[in-house]
Protein backbone atom coordinates (compact mmCIF):
# COMPACT_ATOMS: atom_id res chain seq x y z
CA UNK A 1 -33.66 -24.52 -36.98
CA UNK A 2 -32.71 -26.91 -34.16
CA UNK A 3 -29.03 -26.17 -34.75
CA UNK A 4 -29.65 -22.44 -34.42
CA UNK A 5 -31.47 -22.94 -31.11
CA UNK A 6 -28.65 -25.17 -29.77
CA UNK A 7 -26.02 -22.66 -30.84
CA UNK A 8 -27.94 -19.81 -29.21
CA UNK A 9 -28.47 -21.83 -26.03
CA UNK A 10 -24.79 -22.79 -25.94
CA UNK A 11 -23.77 -19.16 -26.39
CA UNK A 12 -26.05 -18.03 -23.55
CA UNK A 13 -24.68 -20.69 -21.19
CA UNK A 14 -21.12 -19.75 -22.20
CA UNK A 15 -21.76 -16.04 -21.52
CA UNK A 16 -23.40 -16.85 -18.22
CA UNK A 17 -20.30 -18.71 -16.97
CA UNK A 18 -17.89 -16.25 -18.55
CA UNK A 19 -19.56 -13.35 -16.75
CA UNK A 20 -19.17 -15.04 -13.36
CA UNK A 21 -15.50 -15.83 -13.88
CA UNK A 22 -14.65 -12.28 -14.95
CA UNK A 23 -16.35 -10.91 -11.83
CA UNK A 24 -14.22 -13.19 -9.64
CA UNK A 25 -11.06 -11.90 -11.28
CA UNK A 26 -12.01 -8.31 -10.56
CA UNK A 27 -12.67 -9.07 -6.89
CA UNK A 28 -9.33 -10.86 -6.48
CA UNK A 29 -7.25 -7.92 -7.70
CA UNK A 30 -5.89 -5.87 -4.80
CA UNK A 31 -6.82 -2.24 -4.59
CA UNK A 32 -4.23 0.08 -6.02
CA UNK A 33 -2.25 1.85 -3.36
CA UNK A 34 -0.31 5.04 -3.57
CA UNK A 35 3.46 4.75 -3.99
CA UNK A 36 6.11 7.02 -2.56
CA UNK A 37 9.72 7.60 -3.51
CA UNK A 38 12.33 7.01 -0.83
CA UNK A 39 14.25 10.32 -0.51
CA UNK A 40 17.53 8.48 0.23
CA UNK A 41 17.79 5.69 -2.34
CA UNK A 42 15.05 6.73 -4.80
CA UNK A 43 13.14 3.44 -4.71
CA UNK A 44 9.34 3.59 -5.10
CA UNK A 45 7.45 1.76 -2.35
CA UNK A 46 3.73 1.11 -1.83
CA UNK A 47 2.33 2.98 1.16
CA UNK A 48 1.49 -0.28 2.95
CA UNK A 49 5.15 -1.39 2.87
CA UNK A 50 6.76 1.96 3.65
CA UNK A 51 8.53 2.94 6.85
CA UNK A 52 7.14 6.35 7.75
CA UNK A 53 9.23 9.01 9.44
CA UNK A 54 8.33 12.56 10.46
CA UNK A 55 10.67 15.50 10.38
CA UNK A 56 9.60 19.10 11.04
CA UNK A 57 5.93 18.15 10.70
CA UNK A 58 6.36 16.51 7.29
CA UNK A 59 5.90 12.79 6.57
CA UNK A 60 8.60 10.91 4.66
CA UNK A 61 8.31 7.36 3.33
CA UNK A 62 11.30 5.00 3.28
CA UNK A 63 11.94 1.53 1.94
CA UNK A 64 13.72 0.44 5.14
CA UNK A 65 14.79 1.53 8.61
CA UNK A 66 18.32 1.85 7.24
CA UNK A 67 17.23 4.57 4.79
CA UNK A 68 15.25 6.30 7.56
CA UNK A 69 18.36 6.40 9.77
CA UNK A 70 20.51 7.71 6.89
CA UNK A 71 17.93 10.43 6.25
CA UNK A 72 17.89 11.46 9.92
CA UNK A 73 21.71 11.62 9.93
CA UNK A 74 21.71 13.77 6.79
CA UNK A 75 19.15 16.13 8.33
CA UNK A 76 21.18 16.49 11.54
CA UNK A 77 24.29 17.47 9.54
CA UNK A 78 22.46 20.33 7.85
């Protein structure tokens, strides 16, 4: 009977610490952000890292200033 009590007590202590560590992991994970495809090179970039350009009232997301400039040049040729 003593063994059963010790096993049960050990399990409860284990679950108590396991629950706290799993909550910390959830808090440390960054929030998912939306990704956009660069219209020039096709790379997918998170919104936080994107270079945003506007053309004719529409927003475009680029991986770099270089792609933004290429896009502007392509639009001017059309």
